[in-house]
C-alpha atoms as a PDB file:
ATOM      1  CA  MET A   1     142.691  62.328  97.772  1.00  0.00           C
ATOM      2  CA  VAL A   2     142.411  60.665 101.180  1.00  0.00           C
ATOM      3  CA  ASN A   3     141.386  62.148 104.510  1.00  0.00           C
ATOM      4  CA  PHE A   4     144.504  62.377 106.676  1.00  0.00           C
ATOM      5  CA  VAL A   5     142.852  61.767 110.067  1.00  0.00           C
ATOM      6  CA  LYS A   6     140.635  58.960 108.798  1.00  0.00           C
ATOM      7  CA  ALA A   7     143.666  57.196 107.288  1.00  0.00           C
ATOM      8  CA  MET A   8     145.574  57.386 110.565  1.00  0.00           C
ATOM      9  CA  LEU A   9     142.703  56.044 112.589  1.00  0.00           C
ATOM     10  CA  ARG A  10     142.099  53.184 110.154  1.00  0.00           C
ATOM     11  CA  PHE A  11     145.783  52.252 110.204  1.00  0.00           C
ATOM     12  CA  GLN A  12     145.865  52.223 114.031  1.00  0.00           C
ATOM     13  CA  ASP A  13     142.907  49.847 114.041  1.00  0.00           C
ATOM     14  CA  PHE A  14     144.533  47.681 111.418  1.00  0.00           C
ATOM     15  CA  ALA A  15     147.859  47.537 113.274  1.00  0.00           C
ATOM     16  CA  ALA A  16     146.138  46.628 116.561  1.00  0.00           C
ATOM     17  CA  ARG A  17     144.054  43.834 114.983  1.00  0.00           C
ATOM     18  CA  ARG A  18     147.041  42.319 113.193  1.00  0.00           C
ATOM     19  CA  ASN A  19     149.399  42.859 116.163  1.00  0.00           C
ATOM     20  CA  MET A  20     151.933  44.523 113.880  1.00  0.00           C
ATOM     21  CA  GLY A  21     155.512  44.893 115.042  1.00  0.00           C
ATOM     22  CA  GLY A  22     157.140  48.210 115.787  1.00  0.00           C
ATOM     23  CA  ASN A  23     159.417  48.197 112.759  1.00  0.00           C
ATOM     24  CA  ASP A  24     156.493  47.484 110.401  1.00  0.00           C
ATOM     25  CA  VAL A  25     154.439  50.309 111.907  1.00  0.00           C
ATOM     26  CA  MET A  26     157.420  52.672 111.723  1.00  0.00           C
ATOM     27  CA  LEU A  27     158.101  51.929 108.067  1.00  0.00           C
ATOM     28  CA  PHE A  28     154.452  52.373 107.060  1.00  0.00           C
ATOM     29  CA  LEU A  29     154.361  55.749 108.832  1.00  0.00           C
ATOM     30  CA  ALA A  30     157.615  56.729 107.058  1.00  0.00           C
ATOM     31  CA  ILE A  31     156.069  55.924 103.653  1.00  0.00           C
ATOM     32  CA  PHE A  32     152.929  57.794 104.682  1.00  0.00           C
ATOM     33  CA  ARG A  33     155.044  60.798 105.702  1.00  0.00           C
ATOM     34  CA  VAL A  34     157.016  60.918 102.444  1.00  0.00           C
ATOM     35  CA  LEU A  35     153.865  60.703 100.315  1.00  0.00           C
ATOM     36  CA  ASN A  36     152.199  63.343 102.473  1.00  0.00           C
ATOM     37  CA  ASP A  37     155.180  65.673 102.005  1.00  0.00           C
ATOM     38  CA  ARG A  38     154.791  65.169  98.235  1.00  0.00           C
ATOM     39  CA  ARG A  39     151.112  66.172  98.420  1.00  0.00           C
ATOM     40  CA  TRP A  40     149.869  62.660  97.599  1.00  0.00           C
ATOM     41  CA  PRO A  41     150.797  62.147  93.953  1.00  0.00           C
ATOM     42  CA  VAL A  42     148.858  59.470  92.068  1.00  0.00           C
ATOM     43  CA  GLY A  43     150.410  56.081  91.267  1.00  0.00           C
ATOM     44  CA  MET A  44     153.619  54.357  92.221  1.00  0.00           C
ATOM     45  CA  GLN A  45     156.329  56.692  93.509  1.00  0.00           C
ATOM     46  CA  GLU A  46     160.096  56.316  93.578  1.00  0.00           C
ATOM     47  CA  ILE A  47     161.300  56.604  97.200  1.00  0.00           C
ATOM     48  CA  SER A  48     164.912  55.968  98.169  1.00  0.00           C
ATOM     49  CA  ASN A  49     165.862  54.026 101.295  1.00  0.00           C
ATOM     50  CA  ASN A  50     167.516  57.134 102.680  1.00  0.00           C
ATOM     51  CA  GLU A  51     164.261  59.080 102.367  1.00  0.00           C
ATOM     52  CA  LEU A  52     162.513  56.470 104.461  1.00  0.00           C
ATOM     53  CA  LEU A  53     165.304  55.887 106.978  1.00  0.00           C
ATOM     54  CA  VAL A  54     165.320  59.507 108.123  1.00  0.00           C
ATOM     55  CA  HIS A  55     161.764  58.953 109.413  1.00  0.00           C
ATOM     56  CA  THR A  56     162.659  55.769 111.318  1.00  0.00           C
ATOM     57  CA  SER A  57     164.918  54.776 114.197  1.00  0.00           C
ATOM     58  CA  PHE A  58     166.511  51.960 112.236  1.00  0.00           C
ATOM     59  CA  THR A  59     170.210  52.118 113.077  1.00  0.00           C
ATOM     60  CA  GLY A  60     173.438  50.213 112.594  1.00  0.00           C
ATOM     61  CA  SER A  61     174.927  48.391 109.685  1.00  0.00           C
ATOM     62  CA  GLY A  62     171.814  46.245 109.345  1.00  0.00           C
ATOM     63  CA  ARG A  63     169.325  49.079 109.001  1.00  0.00           C
ATOM     64  CA  ASP A  64     168.810  48.428 105.259  1.00  0.00           C
ATOM     65  CA  ASN A  65     168.034  44.797 106.022  1.00  0.00           C
ATOM     66  CA  THR A  66     165.603  45.911 108.734  1.00  0.00           C
ATOM     67  CA  LEU A  67     163.884  48.137 106.218  1.00  0.00           C
ATOM     68  CA  ARG A  68     163.667  45.370 103.609  1.00  0.00           C
ATOM     69  CA  GLU A  69     162.180  42.896 106.105  1.00  0.00           C
ATOM     70  CA  ALA A  70     159.583  45.391 107.294  1.00  0.00           C
ATOM     71  CA  ARG A  71     158.783  46.260 103.667  1.00  0.00           C
ATOM     72  CA  ARG A  72     158.268  42.557 102.858  1.00  0.00           C
ATOM     73  CA  ARG A  73     155.849  42.174 105.748  1.00  0.00           C
ATOM     74  CA  LEU A  74     153.868  45.291 104.821  1.00  0.00           C
ATOM     75  CA  ALA A  75     153.492  43.977 101.293  1.00  0.00           C
ATOM     76  CA  ALA A  76     152.409  40.571 102.624  1.00  0.00           C
ATOM     77  CA  LEU A  77     149.754  42.298 104.732  1.00  0.00           C
ATOM     78  CA  GLY A  78     148.550  44.102 101.629  1.00  0.00           C
ATOM     79  CA  LEU A  79     149.235  47.585 103.035  1.00  0.00           C
ATOM     80  CA  ILE A  80     151.637  48.624 100.328  1.00  0.00           C
ATOM     81  CA  ARG A  81     152.475  47.918  96.714  1.00  0.00           C
ATOM     82  CA  PHE A  82     156.184  47.694  96.059  1.00  0.00           C
ATOM     83  CA  THR A  83     158.453  47.396  93.050  1.00  0.00           C
ATOM     84  CA  PRO A  84     162.195  46.757  93.646  1.00  0.00           C
ATOM     85  CA  GLY A  85     164.567  49.307  92.271  1.00  0.00           C
ATOM     86  CA  ASP A  86     167.846  49.120  90.425  1.00  0.00           C
ATOM     87  CA  ARG A  87     170.675  50.809  92.298  1.00  0.00           C
ATOM     88  CA  ARG A  88     172.180  52.053  89.026  1.00  0.00           C
ATOM     89  CA  ALA A  89     168.946  52.964  87.233  1.00  0.00           C
ATOM     90  CA  LYS A  90     166.033  53.845  89.546  1.00  0.00           C
ATOM     91  CA  GLN A  91     164.849  53.812  93.123  1.00  0.00           C
ATOM     92  CA  PRO A  92     162.264  51.376  94.602  1.00  0.00           C
ATOM     93  CA  GLU A  93     158.656  52.354  93.961  1.00  0.00           C
ATOM     94  CA  TYR A  94     155.917  52.459  96.606  1.00  0.00           C
ATOM     95  CA  ALA A  95     152.196  53.038  96.837  1.00  0.00           C
ATOM     96  CA  ILE A  96     149.837  52.642  99.811  1.00  0.00           C
ATOM     97  CA  ASN A  97     146.981  50.231  99.279  1.00  0.00           C
ATOM     98  CA  TRP A  98     144.127  52.186 100.797  1.00  0.00           C
ATOM     99  CA  ALA A  99     141.688  49.364 100.112  1.00  0.00           C
ATOM    100  CA  ALA A 100     143.444  47.303 102.807  1.00  0.00           C
ATOM    101  CA  LEU A 101     142.355  49.973 105.301  1.00  0.00           C
ATOM    102  CA  GLY A 102     138.841  50.160 103.928  1.00  0.00           C
ATOM    103  CA  ILE A 103     139.414  53.536 102.333  1.00  0.00           C
ATOM    104  CA  ARG A 104     138.513  54.596  98.804  1.00  0.00           C
ATOM    105  CA  GLU A 105     141.006  56.954  97.183  1.00  0.00           C
ATOM    106  CA  GLU A 106     138.098  58.945  95.765  1.00  0.00           C
ATOM    107  CA  GLU A 107     136.782  59.918  99.197  1.00  0.00           C
ATOM    108  CA  ASP A 108     134.226  62.686  99.571  1.00  0.00           C
ATOM    109  CA  THR A 109     136.702  64.415 101.838  1.00  0.00           C
ATOM    110  CA  ALA A 110     139.903  65.940 100.540  1.00  0.00           C
ATOM    111  CA  MET A 111     143.448  66.661 101.648  1.00  0.00           C
ATOM    112  CA  ASP A 112     144.423  70.279 102.333  1.00  0.00           C
ATOM    113  CA  SER A 113     146.880  71.091  99.573  1.00  0.00           C
ATOM    114  CA  ASP A 114     148.895  73.443 101.769  1.00  0.00           C
ATOM    115  CA  THR A 115     149.197  71.586 105.037  1.00  0.00           C
ATOM    116  CA  GLY A 116     148.561  67.963 104.074  1.00  0.00           C
ATOM    117  CA  PHE A 117     146.002  67.628 106.841  1.00  0.00           C
ATOM    118  CA  GLY A 118     142.489  66.564 105.949  1.00  0.00           C
ATOM    119  CA  TYR A 119     139.490  68.812 106.423  1.00  0.00           C
ATOM    120  CA  GLU A 120     135.822  68.040 106.129  1.00  0.00           C
ATOM    121  CA  ASN A 121     133.265  70.096 104.250  1.00  0.00           C
ATOM    122  CA  ILE A 122     130.698  70.458 107.020  1.00  0.00           C
ATOM    123  CA  PRO A 123     127.291  71.663 105.749  1.00  0.00           C
ATOM    124  CA  LYS A 124     126.155  74.968 107.195  1.00  0.00           C
ATOM    125  CA  ASN A 125     122.926  75.217 109.148  1.00  0.00           C
ATOM    126  CA  ASP A 126     119.904  77.028 107.747  1.00  0.00           C
ATOM    127  CA  GLY A 127     119.236  78.819 111.043  1.00  0.00           C
ATOM    128  CA  LYS A 128     121.054  81.562 112.881  1.00  0.00           C
ATOM    129  CA  GLU A 129     124.406  79.793 112.479  1.00  0.00           C
ATOM    130  CA  ALA A 130     124.133  79.658 108.693  1.00  0.00           C
ATOM    131  CA  ALA A 131     126.618  82.540 108.290  1.00  0.00           C
ATOM    132  CA  HIS A 132     129.033  81.192 110.903  1.00  0.00           C
ATOM    133  CA  THR A 133     132.561  81.069 109.484  1.00  0.00           C
ATOM    134  CA  ASN A 134     134.144  78.600 111.912  1.00  0.00           C
ATOM    135  CA  TYR A 135     133.899  75.625 109.551  1.00  0.00           C
ATOM    136  CA  ARG A 136     136.973  73.785 108.370  1.00  0.00           C
ATOM    137  CA  THR A 137     136.875  74.749 104.724  1.00  0.00           C
ATOM    138  CA  PRO A 138     139.806  75.575 102.395  1.00  0.00           C
ATOM    139  CA  GLU A 139     139.017  79.303 102.806  1.00  0.00           C
ATOM    140  CA  ASN A 140     139.051  79.493 106.601  1.00  0.00           C
ATOM    141  CA  ILE A 141     140.978  76.442 107.834  1.00  0.00           C
ATOM    142  CA  TYR A 142     143.807  78.612 109.129  1.00  0.00           C
ATOM    143  CA  ASN A 143     141.418  80.912 111.004  1.00  0.00           C
ATOM    144  CA  TYR A 144     139.624  78.108 112.863  1.00  0.00           C
ATOM    145  CA  PRO A 145     139.522  79.180 116.531  1.00  0.00           C
ATOM    146  CA  LYS A 146     141.614  77.226 118.993  1.00  0.00           C
ATOM    147  CA  ARG A 147     140.383  76.351 122.444  1.00  0.00           C
ATOM    148  CA  ARG A 148     142.117  78.428 125.029  1.00  0.00           C
ATOM    149  CA  GLY A 149     141.902  78.706 128.748  1.00  0.00           C
ATOM    150  CA  LYS A 150     140.535  81.671 130.612  1.00  0.00           C
ATOM    151  CA  GLN A 151     142.091  84.835 129.281  1.00  0.00           C
ATOM    152  CA  LYS A 152     144.136  86.749 131.849  1.00  0.00           C
ATOM    153  CA  GLY A 153     144.712  90.449 131.886  1.00  0.00           C
ATOM    154  CA  PRO A 154     148.184  92.034 131.971  1.00  0.00           C
ATOM    155  CA  ARG A 155     150.101  91.734 135.217  1.00  0.00           C
ATOM    156  CA  ARG A 156     150.413  94.850 137.281  1.00  0.00           C
ATOM    157  CA  ALA A 157     153.943  95.972 138.094  1.00  0.00           C
ATOM    158  CA  PHE A 158     155.010  95.107 141.619  1.00  0.00           C
ATOM    159  CA  ALA A 159     155.618  98.082 143.931  1.00  0.00           C
ATOM    160  CA  PRO A 160     157.407  97.433 147.268  1.00  0.00           C
ATOM    161  CA  PRO A 161     155.397  98.578 150.282  1.00  0.00           C
ATOM    162  CA  THR A 162     156.364 101.502 152.507  1.00  0.00           C
ATOM    163  CA  VAL A 163     157.367 101.228 156.145  1.00  0.00           C
ATOM    164  CA  GLU A 164     153.979 102.564 157.207  1.00  0.00           C
ATOM    165  CA  GLU A 165     152.071 100.112 154.978  1.00  0.00           C
ATOM    166  CA  VAL A 166     153.929  97.153 156.494  1.00  0.00           C
ATOM    167  CA  ARG A 167     153.423  98.469 160.018  1.00  0.00           C
ATOM    168  CA  THR A 168     149.735  99.026 159.464  1.00  0.00           C
ATOM    169  CA  TYR A 169     149.153  95.592 157.963  1.00  0.00           C
ATOM    170  CA  CYS A 170     151.154  93.885 160.714  1.00  0.00           C
ATOM    171  CA  GLY A 171     148.776  95.562 163.186  1.00  0.00           C
ATOM    172  CA  GLU A 172     145.753  94.307 161.246  1.00  0.00           C
ATOM    173  CA  ILE A 173     146.857  90.653 161.356  1.00  0.00           C
ATOM    174  CA  GLY A 174     148.396  90.825 164.830  1.00  0.00           C
ATOM    175  CA  LEU A 175     151.980  90.262 163.700  1.00  0.00           C
ATOM    176  CA  GLN A 176     154.677  91.494 166.079  1.00  0.00           C
ATOM    177  CA  LEU A 177     157.291  92.370 163.483  1.00  0.00           C
ATOM    178  CA  ASN A 178     159.500  95.373 162.926  1.00  0.00           C
ATOM    179  CA  PRO A 179     158.628  96.567 159.375  1.00  0.00           C
ATOM    180  CA  LEU A 180     162.311  97.336 158.632  1.00  0.00           C
ATOM    181  CA  LYS A 181     163.211  93.699 159.137  1.00  0.00           C
ATOM    182  CA  PHE A 182     160.638  92.663 156.582  1.00  0.00           C
ATOM    183  CA  LEU A 183     161.677  95.338 154.071  1.00  0.00           C
ATOM    184  CA  ASP A 184     165.392  94.595 154.472  1.00  0.00           C
ATOM    185  CA  TYR A 185     164.817  90.826 154.113  1.00  0.00           C
ATOM    186  CA  TYR A 186     163.027  90.991 150.751  1.00  0.00           C
ATOM    187  CA  GLY A 187     164.811  94.122 149.547  1.00  0.00           C
ATOM    188  CA  ALA A 188     168.130  92.275 149.753  1.00  0.00           C
ATOM    189  CA  ARG A 189     166.647  89.547 147.564  1.00  0.00           C
ATOM    190  CA  GLY A 190     165.255  91.848 144.915  1.00  0.00           C
ATOM    191  CA  TRP A 191     161.638  91.295 146.033  1.00  0.00           C
ATOM    192  CA  PRO A 192     161.064  87.869 144.481  1.00  0.00           C
ATOM    193  CA  ILE A 193     157.408  87.955 145.544  1.00  0.00           C
ATOM    194  CA  GLU A 194     154.196  89.290 144.011  1.00  0.00           C
ATOM    195  CA  ASP A 195     152.034  89.764 147.134  1.00  0.00           C
ATOM    196  CA  TRP A 196     153.793  91.249 150.136  1.00  0.00           C
ATOM    197  CA  ARG A 197     150.655  90.989 152.270  1.00  0.00           C
ATOM    198  CA  ALA A 198     150.543  87.225 151.666  1.00  0.00           C
ATOM    199  CA  ALA A 199     154.232  87.062 152.670  1.00  0.00           C
ATOM    200  CA  LEU A 200     153.397  88.814 155.946  1.00  0.00           C
ATOM    201  CA  ARG A 201     150.618  86.372 156.636  1.00  0.00           C
ATOM    202  CA  CYS A 202     153.166  83.573 156.216  1.00  0.00           C
ATOM    203  CA  TRP A 203     155.440  85.335 158.715  1.00  0.00           C
ATOM    204  CA  LYS A 204     152.481  85.514 161.084  1.00  0.00           C
ATOM    205  CA  ILE A 205     151.907  81.801 160.805  1.00  0.00           C
ATOM    206  CA  ARG A 206     155.580  81.075 161.453  1.00  0.00           C
ATOM    207  CA  GLU A 207     155.564  83.419 164.458  1.00  0.00           C
ATOM    208  CA  ASP A 208     152.533  81.677 165.948  1.00  0.00           C
ATOM    209  CA  GLU A 209     154.128  78.232 165.447  1.00  0.00           C
ATOM    210  CA  GLU A 210     157.393  79.418 166.996  1.00  0.00           C
ATOM    211  CA  ARG A 211     155.549  80.966 169.961  1.00  0.00           C
ATOM    212  CA  GLN A 212     153.677  77.722 170.555  1.00  0.00           C
ATOM    213  CA  ARG A 213     156.899  75.778 170.348  1.00  0.00           C
ATOM    214  CA  ARG A 214     158.677  78.024 172.848  1.00  0.00           C
ATOM    215  CA  GLY A 215     155.657  78.634 174.990  1.00  0.00           C
ATOM    216  CA  GLY A 216     155.994  82.406 175.054  1.00  0.00           C
ATOM    217  CA  TYR A 217     156.845  85.594 173.126  1.00  0.00           C
ATOM    218  CA  SER A 218     160.200  86.447 171.720  1.00  0.00           C
ATOM    219  CA  THR A 219     161.668  89.881 172.166  1.00  0.00           C
ATOM    220  CA  GLN A 220     162.681  92.121 169.274  1.00  0.00           C
ATOM    221  CA  ARG A 221     164.855  95.135 169.102  1.00  0.00           C
ATOM    222  CA  ARG A 222     162.856  98.347 168.995  1.00  0.00           C
ATOM    223  CA  TYR A 223     164.122 100.971 166.589  1.00  0.00           C
ATOM    224  CA  THR A 224     164.024 104.630 167.506  1.00  0.00           C
ATOM    225  CA  GLU A 225     161.888 107.023 165.547  1.00  0.00           C
ATOM    226  CA  ALA A 226     165.013 108.575 164.081  1.00  0.00           C
ATOM    227  CA  GLU A 227     166.200 105.185 162.793  1.00  0.00           C
ATOM    228  CA  LEU A 228     162.788 104.443 161.293  1.00  0.00           C
ATOM    229  CA  GLU A 229     162.687 107.801 159.558  1.00  0.00           C
ATOM    230  CA  ALA A 230     166.218 107.328 158.194  1.00  0.00           C
ATOM    231  CA  ARG A 231     165.369 103.849 156.810  1.00  0.00           C
ATOM    232  CA  ALA A 232     162.125 105.139 155.330  1.00  0.00           C
ATOM    233  CA  GLY A 233     164.053 107.833 153.501  1.00  0.00           C
ATOM    234  CA  GLU A 234     166.448 105.213 152.049  1.00  0.00           C
ATOM    235  CA  LEU A 235     163.493 103.108 150.771  1.00  0.00           C
END
């Protein structure tokens, strides 16, 4: 077996040093993918052109020729072993030459038989962490913890403020605003906000900017107590 990650890194280094073309890289990765899907059988493997083409972007009537040219170059680089097929009898046969990448097929690391991704048997410490289970071993590879951001608690349901709450907060921040105007404005829009106090502070900023632009205070209609009570009952 061969370590999946090590093989990919070695191939990237090889491709960069040899300045490999895009088609050659794509075909090698297609062969790699097919063999990985087959759980890395030993020896030469029959692989049809169609199996490889689905993992490439080779298109058009000349895609088979593109595949053959890339295959010839991979063989010349020593990356693959290849035996031509017979259209009526058998498919072409392929094998990756790991020695060209400096990899022995009998590596100390193995390939995970379920996922195809390599894991490393990391020795456990003799100290307090000796019993730690977060090592990538066949038994716990699927339970290896993933790095996550800061955990957030559940969101609290939004509750629209009352007329009195809006009036009180407007007084605290010095905003000259009729609370019914604020409630009607966002109520008509289904309250697409999470923090109504923050929205009021934005209104305060806009009011100050408008006041500075006009050089004075604007007048607002004053509702009667009866109108305020009626609107409060509706909310």
